[in-house]
Amino acid sequence: MSVDTPRRIVLLRHAKAEWSQDSDHERPLAERGRKDAPVAGRKLVDSGIALDLALCSTAVRTRETWKLAVHEMPQRPRTVYENRLYEASLGELIALINETPDDVHNLLVIGHNPGMHAAADALSESSEGDALSRMTRGGFPTAAFAVVEFTGSWKGVEHGVGKLVEYWTPND
């Protein structure tokens, strides 16, 4: 694959989780989350992005979100459950993205806030239409996703490298 070929990073925040006595890592999806996750999966399919690799946090709510979202997809991408995504800072998220193999064209990251919002914002130098302003105004609610497009190597992903080409929330 040429370094000039556009690549996409899809940043998906887990769906709405229950507040429980369990540890934060073990919190399951709430009823609303179980409804929103498949909708996010269908919307990802509608976007036409063929995912090559999914990196998913090991937290229960992210694994449940992915299980419900991927069920809507015609083809399941290779999935890696990554403990480093849980409570990852912006710098840690970018470092994980930099580790993506060069044969991956479209990467999905299923994680948590504030990291998902911070990554979408930091990586996007510009946006199509009003996507960036809508994301800035609305925040990054549960089950929302952002698609950032860039050219070059995964090792070169850094602040301002891409363009926010899509931003979706369950309220859209």
N, C-alpha and C. Protein backbone atom coordinates (compact mmCIF):
# COMPACT_ATOMS: atom_id res chain seq x y z
N MET A 1 0.85 -1.18 0.00
CA MET A 1 0.00 0.00 0.00
C MET A 1 0.89 1.24 0.00
N SER A 2 0.56 2.14 -0.84
CA SER A 2 1.33 3.38 -0.94
C SER A 2 1.07 4.26 0.27
N VAL A 3 2.09 5.04 0.66
CA VAL A 3 1.90 5.96 1.77
C VAL A 3 0.95 7.10 1.40
N ASP A 4 0.68 7.25 0.09
CA ASP A 4 -0.26 8.28 -0.36
C ASP A 4 -1.71 7.81 -0.34
N THR A 5 -1.92 6.52 -0.08
CA THR A 5 -3.27 5.98 -0.01
C THR A 5 -3.95 6.48 1.26
N PRO A 6 -5.14 7.04 1.16
CA PRO A 6 -5.83 7.50 2.37
C PRO A 6 -6.09 6.34 3.33
N ARG A 7 -5.89 6.62 4.60
CA ARG A 7 -6.18 5.66 5.66
C ARG A 7 -7.21 6.31 6.57
N ARG A 8 -7.92 5.47 7.31
CA ARG A 8 -8.93 6.00 8.22
C ARG A 8 -8.77 5.40 9.61
N ILE A 9 -8.97 6.28 10.60
CA ILE A 9 -9.05 5.87 12.00
C ILE A 9 -10.48 6.14 12.43
N VAL A 10 -11.17 5.10 12.88
CA VAL A 10 -12.52 5.26 13.40
C VAL A 10 -12.41 5.14 14.92
N LEU A 11 -12.81 6.19 15.61
CA LEU A 11 -12.75 6.23 17.07
C LEU A 11 -14.16 6.09 17.61
N LEU A 12 -14.45 4.96 18.25
CA LEU A 12 -15.79 4.65 18.75
C LEU A 12 -15.76 4.60 20.28
N ARG A 13 -16.58 5.44 20.88
CA ARG A 13 -16.71 5.39 22.34
C ARG A 13 -17.71 4.29 22.69
N HIS A 14 -17.44 3.56 23.76
CA HIS A 14 -18.36 2.50 24.19
C HIS A 14 -19.76 3.07 24.40
N ALA A 15 -20.76 2.20 24.31
CA ALA A 15 -22.14 2.61 24.55
C ALA A 15 -22.38 2.82 26.04
N LYS A 16 -23.56 3.34 26.37
CA LYS A 16 -23.92 3.69 27.75
C LYS A 16 -23.79 2.49 28.70
N ALA A 17 -23.07 2.71 29.79
CA ALA A 17 -22.83 1.64 30.77
C ALA A 17 -23.65 1.86 32.03
N GLU A 18 -23.86 0.76 32.76
CA GLU A 18 -24.52 0.80 34.07
C GLU A 18 -23.57 1.40 35.09
N TRP A 19 -24.14 2.06 36.08
CA TRP A 19 -23.36 2.43 37.26
C TRP A 19 -23.59 1.31 38.25
N SER A 20 -22.52 0.70 38.71
CA SER A 20 -22.69 -0.46 39.59
C SER A 20 -21.63 -0.45 40.68
N GLN A 21 -21.76 -1.42 41.55
CA GLN A 21 -20.80 -1.60 42.63
C GLN A 21 -19.53 -2.30 42.15
N ASP A 22 -19.58 -2.84 40.93
CA ASP A 22 -18.41 -3.51 40.37
C ASP A 22 -17.29 -2.50 40.14
N SER A 23 -16.11 -3.01 39.91
CA SER A 23 -15.01 -2.11 39.56
C SER A 23 -15.37 -1.43 38.23
N ASP A 24 -14.79 -0.28 37.98
CA ASP A 24 -15.08 0.46 36.75
C ASP A 24 -14.82 -0.41 35.52
N HIS A 25 -13.77 -1.18 35.53
CA HIS A 25 -13.41 -2.03 34.41
C HIS A 25 -14.50 -3.07 34.12
N GLU A 26 -15.23 -3.47 35.12
CA GLU A 26 -16.22 -4.55 34.98
C GLU A 26 -17.65 -4.06 34.74
N ARG A 27 -17.85 -2.76 34.57
CA ARG A 27 -19.20 -2.24 34.37
C ARG A 27 -19.79 -2.70 33.04
N PRO A 28 -21.01 -3.29 33.08
CA PRO A 28 -21.67 -3.74 31.84
C PRO A 28 -22.45 -2.61 31.19
N LEU A 29 -22.94 -2.88 29.98
CA LEU A 29 -23.78 -1.91 29.29
C LEU A 29 -25.14 -1.79 29.97
N ALA A 30 -25.68 -0.59 29.93
CA ALA A 30 -27.05 -0.34 30.38
C ALA A 30 -27.99 -0.72 29.24
N GLU A 31 -29.27 -0.74 29.51
CA GLU A 31 -30.26 -1.07 28.47
C GLU A 31 -30.11 -0.14 27.26
N ARG A 32 -29.96 1.17 27.51
CA ARG A 32 -29.77 2.11 26.40
C ARG A 32 -28.52 1.76 25.59
N GLY A 33 -27.46 1.36 26.27
CA GLY A 33 -26.24 0.97 25.57
C GLY A 33 -26.44 -0.25 24.69
N ARG A 34 -27.23 -1.20 25.18
CA ARG A 34 -27.51 -2.40 24.38
C ARG A 34 -28.35 -2.07 23.14
N LYS A 35 -29.08 -0.95 23.19
CA LYS A 35 -29.84 -0.51 22.02
C LYS A 35 -28.98 0.33 21.07
N ASP A 36 -28.12 1.20 21.63
CA ASP A 36 -27.31 2.10 20.81
C ASP A 36 -26.15 1.41 20.08
N ALA A 37 -25.55 0.38 20.69
CA ALA A 37 -24.38 -0.26 20.08
C ALA A 37 -24.67 -0.85 18.71
N PRO A 38 -25.76 -1.61 18.51
CA PRO A 38 -26.05 -2.12 17.16
C PRO A 38 -26.35 -1.00 16.16
N VAL A 39 -26.95 0.09 16.63
CA VAL A 39 -27.22 1.23 15.74
C VAL A 39 -25.90 1.82 15.26
N ALA A 40 -24.94 1.95 16.17
CA ALA A 40 -23.61 2.44 15.78
C ALA A 40 -22.97 1.49 14.78
N GLY A 41 -23.12 0.19 14.98
CA GLY A 41 -22.59 -0.79 14.03
C GLY A 41 -23.20 -0.64 12.66
N ARG A 42 -24.52 -0.46 12.60
CA ARG A 42 -25.19 -0.26 11.30
C ARG A 42 -24.73 1.02 10.63
N LYS A 43 -24.56 2.08 11.42
CA LYS A 43 -24.11 3.36 10.86
C LYS A 43 -22.68 3.23 10.31
N LEU A 44 -21.84 2.47 11.00
CA LEU A 44 -20.49 2.22 10.47
C LEU A 44 -20.56 1.49 9.13
N VAL A 45 -21.44 0.50 9.03
CA VAL A 45 -21.63 -0.21 7.77
C VAL A 45 -22.10 0.77 6.69
N ASP A 46 -23.06 1.62 7.04
CA ASP A 46 -23.59 2.60 6.08
C ASP A 46 -22.52 3.58 5.60
N SER A 47 -21.50 3.81 6.42
CA SER A 47 -20.43 4.74 6.03
C SER A 47 -19.56 4.17 4.92
N GLY A 48 -19.65 2.86 4.69
CA GLY A 48 -18.90 2.23 3.61
C GLY A 48 -17.44 1.95 3.93
N ILE A 49 -17.04 2.10 5.16
CA ILE A 49 -15.65 1.84 5.54
C ILE A 49 -15.47 0.36 5.84
N ALA A 50 -14.60 -0.29 5.08
CA ALA A 50 -14.28 -1.70 5.31
C ALA A 50 -13.17 -1.76 6.34
N LEU A 51 -13.50 -2.17 7.54
CA LEU A 51 -12.53 -2.18 8.64
C LEU A 51 -11.58 -3.37 8.49
N ASP A 52 -10.29 -3.10 8.68
CA ASP A 52 -9.27 -4.15 8.60
C ASP A 52 -8.89 -4.67 9.98
N LEU A 53 -8.92 -3.79 10.96
CA LEU A 53 -8.47 -4.15 12.30
C LEU A 53 -9.27 -3.36 13.32
N ALA A 54 -9.68 -4.04 14.39
CA ALA A 54 -10.36 -3.38 15.51
C ALA A 54 -9.51 -3.57 16.75
N LEU A 55 -9.19 -2.46 17.42
CA LEU A 55 -8.53 -2.50 18.72
C LEU A 55 -9.59 -2.15 19.75
N CYS A 56 -9.83 -3.05 20.70
CA CYS A 56 -10.90 -2.87 21.66
C CYS A 56 -10.35 -2.94 23.07
N SER A 57 -10.73 -1.98 23.89
CA SER A 57 -10.38 -2.00 25.31
C SER A 57 -10.90 -3.30 25.93
N THR A 58 -10.23 -3.75 26.97
CA THR A 58 -10.64 -4.98 27.64
C THR A 58 -11.78 -4.77 28.64
N ALA A 59 -12.20 -3.53 28.87
CA ALA A 59 -13.30 -3.27 29.80
C ALA A 59 -14.57 -3.97 29.30
N VAL A 60 -15.40 -4.43 30.22
CA VAL A 60 -16.63 -5.15 29.86
C VAL A 60 -17.50 -4.32 28.92
N ARG A 61 -17.68 -3.03 29.21
CA ARG A 61 -18.58 -2.21 28.39
C ARG A 61 -18.08 -2.02 26.96
N THR A 62 -16.78 -1.99 26.76
CA THR A 62 -16.27 -1.85 25.39
C THR A 62 -16.39 -3.18 24.65
N ARG A 63 -16.11 -4.28 25.34
CA ARG A 63 -16.25 -5.59 24.69
C ARG A 63 -17.71 -5.86 24.31
N GLU A 64 -18.65 -5.49 25.20
CA GLU A 64 -20.07 -5.67 24.89
C GLU A 64 -20.50 -4.76 23.74
N THR A 65 -20.01 -3.53 23.72
CA THR A 65 -20.31 -2.61 22.62
C THR A 65 -19.85 -3.21 21.30
N TRP A 66 -18.62 -3.70 21.27
CA TRP A 66 -18.07 -4.27 20.05
C TRP A 66 -18.84 -5.50 19.61
N LYS A 67 -19.19 -6.37 20.55
CA LYS A 67 -19.93 -7.59 20.22
C LYS A 67 -21.26 -7.25 19.54
N LEU A 68 -21.97 -6.23 20.05
CA LEU A 68 -23.25 -5.84 19.47
C LEU A 68 -23.08 -5.07 18.16
N ALA A 69 -22.06 -4.25 18.05
CA ALA A 69 -21.83 -3.47 16.82
C ALA A 69 -21.34 -4.37 15.68
N VAL A 70 -20.41 -5.24 15.95
CA VAL A 70 -19.82 -6.08 14.89
C VAL A 70 -20.85 -7.06 14.33
N HIS A 71 -21.83 -7.43 15.14
CA HIS A 71 -22.88 -8.33 14.68
C HIS A 71 -23.64 -7.75 13.48
N GLU A 72 -23.63 -6.42 13.34
CA GLU A 72 -24.33 -5.74 12.25
C GLU A 72 -23.49 -5.69 10.97
N MET A 73 -22.23 -6.07 11.06
CA MET A 73 -21.32 -5.92 9.93
C MET A 73 -21.28 -7.18 9.08
N PRO A 74 -21.16 -7.02 7.76
CA PRO A 74 -21.13 -8.19 6.89
C PRO A 74 -19.86 -9.03 7.07
N GLN A 75 -18.79 -8.38 7.50
CA GLN A 75 -17.52 -9.09 7.69
C GLN A 75 -16.84 -8.57 8.94
N ARG A 76 -16.44 -9.48 9.81
CA ARG A 76 -15.79 -9.10 11.06
C ARG A 76 -14.30 -8.85 10.82
N PRO A 77 -13.81 -7.66 11.18
CA PRO A 77 -12.37 -7.43 11.04
C PRO A 77 -11.60 -8.18 12.12
N ARG A 78 -10.33 -8.35 11.90
CA ARG A 78 -9.48 -8.93 12.94
C ARG A 78 -9.60 -8.04 14.17
N THR A 79 -9.76 -8.65 15.34
CA THR A 79 -9.97 -7.90 16.57
C THR A 79 -8.88 -8.22 17.58
N VAL A 80 -8.33 -7.18 18.18
CA VAL A 80 -7.33 -7.32 19.23
C VAL A 80 -7.89 -6.62 20.47
N TYR A 81 -7.97 -7.37 21.57
CA TYR A 81 -8.42 -6.77 22.84
C TYR A 81 -7.17 -6.25 23.53
N GLU A 82 -7.15 -4.94 23.73
CA GLU A 82 -5.95 -4.25 24.17
C GLU A 82 -6.16 -3.59 25.53
N ASN A 83 -5.49 -4.12 26.55
CA ASN A 83 -5.63 -3.59 27.91
C ASN A 83 -5.15 -2.14 28.01
N ARG A 84 -4.20 -1.75 27.16
CA ARG A 84 -3.66 -0.38 27.22
C ARG A 84 -4.68 0.67 26.81
N LEU A 85 -5.79 0.27 26.17
CA LEU A 85 -6.82 1.24 25.79
C LEU A 85 -7.65 1.69 26.99
N TYR A 86 -7.70 0.88 28.03
CA TYR A 86 -8.48 1.24 29.21
C TYR A 86 -7.79 2.40 29.93
N GLU A 87 -8.51 3.51 30.06
CA GLU A 87 -8.00 4.73 30.69
C GLU A 87 -6.78 5.32 29.97
N ALA A 88 -6.67 5.07 28.66
CA ALA A 88 -5.53 5.58 27.89
C ALA A 88 -5.59 7.09 27.74
N SER A 89 -4.45 7.72 27.91
CA SER A 89 -4.32 9.16 27.66
C SER A 89 -4.21 9.38 26.15
N LEU A 90 -4.28 10.62 25.74
CA LEU A 90 -4.11 10.95 24.33
C LEU A 90 -2.78 10.44 23.81
N GLY A 91 -1.71 10.67 24.54
CA GLY A 91 -0.39 10.20 24.11
C GLY A 91 -0.33 8.68 23.99
N GLU A 92 -0.96 7.99 24.92
CA GLU A 92 -0.98 6.52 24.85
C GLU A 92 -1.80 6.03 23.66
N LEU A 93 -2.90 6.72 23.36
CA LEU A 93 -3.71 6.34 22.20
C LEU A 93 -2.93 6.53 20.90
N ILE A 94 -2.25 7.65 20.78
CA ILE A 94 -1.46 7.89 19.57
C ILE A 94 -0.34 6.85 19.46
N ALA A 95 0.29 6.51 20.56
CA ALA A 95 1.35 5.48 20.54
C ALA A 95 0.78 4.14 20.07
N LEU A 96 -0.42 3.77 20.52
CA LEU A 96 -1.04 2.52 20.07
C LEU A 96 -1.36 2.57 18.58
N ILE A 97 -1.88 3.70 18.12
CA ILE A 97 -2.18 3.85 16.69
C ILE A 97 -0.90 3.75 15.87
N ASN A 98 0.20 4.30 16.38
CA ASN A 98 1.49 4.24 15.68
C ASN A 98 2.00 2.81 15.52
N GLU A 99 1.52 1.88 16.33
CA GLU A 99 1.93 0.48 16.25
C GLU A 99 1.16 -0.31 15.19
N THR A 100 0.17 0.30 14.54
CA THR A 100 -0.66 -0.39 13.56
C THR A 100 0.18 -0.86 12.38
N PRO A 101 0.01 -2.12 11.98
CA PRO A 101 0.77 -2.65 10.83
C PRO A 101 0.43 -1.89 9.54
N ASP A 102 1.41 -1.77 8.67
CA ASP A 102 1.24 -1.00 7.44
C ASP A 102 0.22 -1.59 6.48
N ASP A 103 -0.12 -2.88 6.60
CA ASP A 103 -1.11 -3.46 5.70
C ASP A 103 -2.55 -3.09 6.09
N VAL A 104 -2.73 -2.41 7.21
CA VAL A 104 -4.06 -1.98 7.64
C VAL A 104 -4.40 -0.66 6.97
N HIS A 105 -5.57 -0.63 6.35
CA HIS A 105 -6.06 0.57 5.67
C HIS A 105 -6.99 1.34 6.60
N ASN A 106 -7.93 0.62 7.25
CA ASN A 106 -8.93 1.25 8.11
C ASN A 106 -8.90 0.61 9.50
N LEU A 107 -8.64 1.43 10.50
CA LEU A 107 -8.49 0.99 11.88
C LEU A 107 -9.65 1.49 12.71
N LEU A 108 -10.24 0.60 13.50
CA LEU A 108 -11.28 0.97 14.46
C LEU A 108 -10.70 0.85 15.86
N VAL A 109 -10.90 1.89 16.68
CA VAL A 109 -10.47 1.87 18.07
C VAL A 109 -11.73 2.03 18.92
N ILE A 110 -12.02 1.05 19.78
CA ILE A 110 -13.17 1.11 20.67
C ILE A 110 -12.65 1.37 22.07
N GLY A 111 -12.97 2.56 22.59
CA GLY A 111 -12.40 2.94 23.87
C GLY A 111 -13.31 3.83 24.69
N HIS A 112 -12.68 4.69 25.46
CA HIS A 112 -13.35 5.47 26.50
C HIS A 112 -13.06 6.96 26.33
N ASN A 113 -13.90 7.76 26.97
CA ASN A 113 -13.62 9.18 27.10
C ASN A 113 -12.85 9.40 28.39
N PRO A 114 -12.03 10.40 28.45
CA PRO A 114 -11.90 11.51 27.50
C PRO A 114 -11.00 11.21 26.31
N GLY A 115 -10.41 10.02 26.25
CA GLY A 115 -9.45 9.70 25.21
C GLY A 115 -9.98 9.72 23.79
N MET A 116 -11.18 9.16 23.56
CA MET A 116 -11.72 9.12 22.20
C MET A 116 -11.95 10.53 21.66
N HIS A 117 -12.54 11.40 22.49
CA HIS A 117 -12.78 12.78 22.06
C HIS A 117 -11.46 13.51 21.85
N ALA A 118 -10.55 13.34 22.78
CA ALA A 118 -9.25 14.02 22.68
C ALA A 118 -8.52 13.60 21.41
N ALA A 119 -8.55 12.31 21.09
CA ALA A 119 -7.86 11.82 19.89
C ALA A 119 -8.51 12.37 18.63
N ALA A 120 -9.83 12.32 18.56
CA ALA A 120 -10.52 12.84 17.37
C ALA A 120 -10.20 14.32 17.17
N ASP A 121 -10.22 15.07 18.25
CA ASP A 121 -9.94 16.50 18.18
C ASP A 121 -8.48 16.77 17.81
N ALA A 122 -7.57 16.09 18.48
CA ALA A 122 -6.13 16.34 18.26
C ALA A 122 -5.67 15.93 16.87
N LEU A 123 -6.20 14.83 16.35
CA LEU A 123 -5.74 14.35 15.05
C LEU A 123 -6.33 15.14 13.88
N SER A 124 -7.43 15.84 14.12
CA SER A 124 -8.15 16.53 13.05
C SER A 124 -7.71 17.98 12.90
N GLU A 125 -6.96 18.24 11.84
CA GLU A 125 -6.57 19.61 11.54
C GLU A 125 -7.74 20.37 10.91
N SER A 126 -8.59 19.63 10.19
CA SER A 126 -9.74 20.23 9.51
C SER A 126 -10.88 19.22 9.52
N SER A 127 -12.00 19.61 8.92
CA SER A 127 -13.12 18.67 8.84
C SER A 127 -13.94 18.92 7.59
N GLU A 128 -14.72 17.91 7.23
CA GLU A 128 -15.70 18.07 6.16
C GLU A 128 -16.95 18.68 6.77
N GLY A 129 -17.47 19.68 6.11
CA GLY A 129 -18.70 20.31 6.60
C GLY A 129 -18.55 20.81 8.02
N ASP A 130 -19.56 20.58 8.81
CA ASP A 130 -19.57 21.09 10.19
C ASP A 130 -19.22 20.01 11.22
N ALA A 131 -18.59 18.92 10.79
CA ALA A 131 -18.32 17.80 11.70
C ALA A 131 -17.52 18.22 12.93
N LEU A 132 -16.47 19.01 12.74
CA LEU A 132 -15.62 19.41 13.86
C LEU A 132 -16.38 20.34 14.82
N SER A 133 -17.14 21.27 14.28
CA SER A 133 -17.88 22.18 15.16
C SER A 133 -18.99 21.43 15.91
N ARG A 134 -19.64 20.45 15.25
CA ARG A 134 -20.66 19.65 15.94
C ARG A 134 -20.03 18.83 17.06
N MET A 135 -18.85 18.27 16.81
CA MET A 135 -18.16 17.47 17.83
C MET A 135 -17.73 18.37 18.99
N THR A 136 -17.26 19.56 18.69
CA THR A 136 -16.84 20.50 19.73
C THR A 136 -18.03 20.92 20.59
N ARG A 137 -19.15 21.22 19.94
CA ARG A 137 -20.36 21.64 20.66
C ARG A 137 -20.98 20.49 21.46
N GLY A 138 -21.08 19.32 20.84
CA GLY A 138 -21.82 18.22 21.44
C GLY A 138 -21.02 17.27 22.29
N GLY A 139 -19.71 17.44 22.29
CA GLY A 139 -18.87 16.50 23.03
C GLY A 139 -18.80 15.17 22.30
N PHE A 140 -18.54 14.12 23.04
CA PHE A 140 -18.38 12.79 22.44
C PHE A 140 -19.19 11.82 23.29
N PRO A 141 -20.52 11.78 23.10
CA PRO A 141 -21.37 10.94 23.95
C PRO A 141 -21.13 9.45 23.73
N THR A 142 -21.69 8.66 24.60
CA THR A 142 -21.56 7.21 24.47
C THR A 142 -22.11 6.76 23.12
N ALA A 143 -21.46 5.76 22.53
CA ALA A 143 -21.77 5.15 21.24
C ALA A 143 -21.51 6.07 20.05
N ALA A 144 -20.90 7.24 20.28
CA ALA A 144 -20.53 8.14 19.18
C ALA A 144 -19.26 7.63 18.51
N PHE A 145 -19.09 8.02 17.25
CA PHE A 145 -17.82 7.73 16.59
C PHE A 145 -17.40 8.87 15.69
N ALA A 146 -16.10 8.95 15.49
CA ALA A 146 -15.49 9.93 14.60
C ALA A 146 -14.59 9.19 13.63
N VAL A 147 -14.55 9.67 12.40
CA VAL A 147 -13.69 9.08 11.37
C VAL A 147 -12.69 10.14 10.94
N VAL A 148 -11.41 9.85 11.13
CA VAL A 148 -10.33 10.75 10.76
C VAL A 148 -9.57 10.10 9.61
N GLU A 149 -9.43 10.85 8.52
CA GLU A 149 -8.73 10.36 7.34
C GLU A 149 -7.38 11.06 7.22
N PHE A 150 -6.36 10.30 6.82
CA PHE A 150 -5.03 10.87 6.64
C PHE A 150 -4.29 10.06 5.58
N THR A 151 -3.19 10.59 5.10
CA THR A 151 -2.30 9.83 4.23
C THR A 151 -0.97 9.68 4.93
N GLY A 152 -0.28 8.62 4.58
CA GLY A 152 1.02 8.37 5.20
C GLY A 152 1.01 7.10 6.02
N SER A 153 2.07 6.93 6.75
CA SER A 153 2.27 5.74 7.56
C SER A 153 1.58 5.89 8.92
N TRP A 154 1.20 4.76 9.50
CA TRP A 154 0.64 4.78 10.86
C TRP A 154 1.66 5.33 11.85
N LYS A 155 2.92 5.10 11.57
CA LYS A 155 3.98 5.61 12.46
C LYS A 155 4.02 7.14 12.47
N GLY A 156 3.45 7.76 11.43
CA GLY A 156 3.46 9.21 11.33
C GLY A 156 2.21 9.89 11.89
N VAL A 157 1.30 9.11 12.49
CA VAL A 157 0.09 9.71 13.07
C VAL A 157 0.48 10.56 14.27
N GLU A 158 0.07 11.84 14.21
CA GLU A 158 0.37 12.79 15.28
C GLU A 158 -0.68 13.90 15.23
N HIS A 159 -0.57 14.85 16.12
CA HIS A 159 -1.51 15.98 16.17
C HIS A 159 -1.63 16.63 14.80
N GLY A 160 -2.88 16.88 14.38
CA GLY A 160 -3.14 17.63 13.15
C GLY A 160 -2.86 16.91 11.86
N VAL A 161 -2.67 15.60 11.89
CA VAL A 161 -2.30 14.87 10.69
C VAL A 161 -3.48 14.62 9.75
N GLY A 162 -4.71 14.69 10.27
CA GLY A 162 -5.83 14.26 9.46
C GLY A 162 -6.97 15.23 9.33
N LYS A 163 -8.02 14.73 8.69
CA LYS A 163 -9.24 15.48 8.46
C LYS A 163 -10.40 14.67 9.04
N LEU A 164 -11.22 15.32 9.86
CA LEU A 164 -12.42 14.67 10.39
C LEU A 164 -13.44 14.60 9.27
N VAL A 165 -13.69 13.39 8.76
CA VAL A 165 -14.59 13.25 7.62
C VAL A 165 -15.99 12.82 8.03
N GLU A 166 -16.14 12.32 9.25
CA GLU A 166 -17.47 11.95 9.74
C GLU A 166 -17.48 11.99 11.26
N TYR A 167 -18.59 12.45 11.79
CA TYR A 167 -18.84 12.44 13.23
C TYR A 167 -20.30 12.09 13.41
N TRP A 168 -20.56 11.03 14.19
CA TRP A 168 -21.93 10.55 14.37
C TRP A 168 -22.18 10.28 15.85
N THR A 169 -23.39 10.59 16.29
CA THR A 169 -23.84 10.23 17.63
C THR A 169 -25.19 9.55 17.52
N PRO A 170 -25.59 8.78 18.52
CA PRO A 170 -26.90 8.13 18.47
C PRO A 170 -28.06 9.12 18.39
N ASN A 171 -27.83 10.38 18.72
CA ASN A 171 -28.89 11.39 18.66
C ASN A 171 -29.04 12.01 17.26
N ASP A 172 -28.12 11.67 16.34
CA ASP A 172 -28.17 12.25 14.98
C ASP A 172 -29.35 11.72 14.20
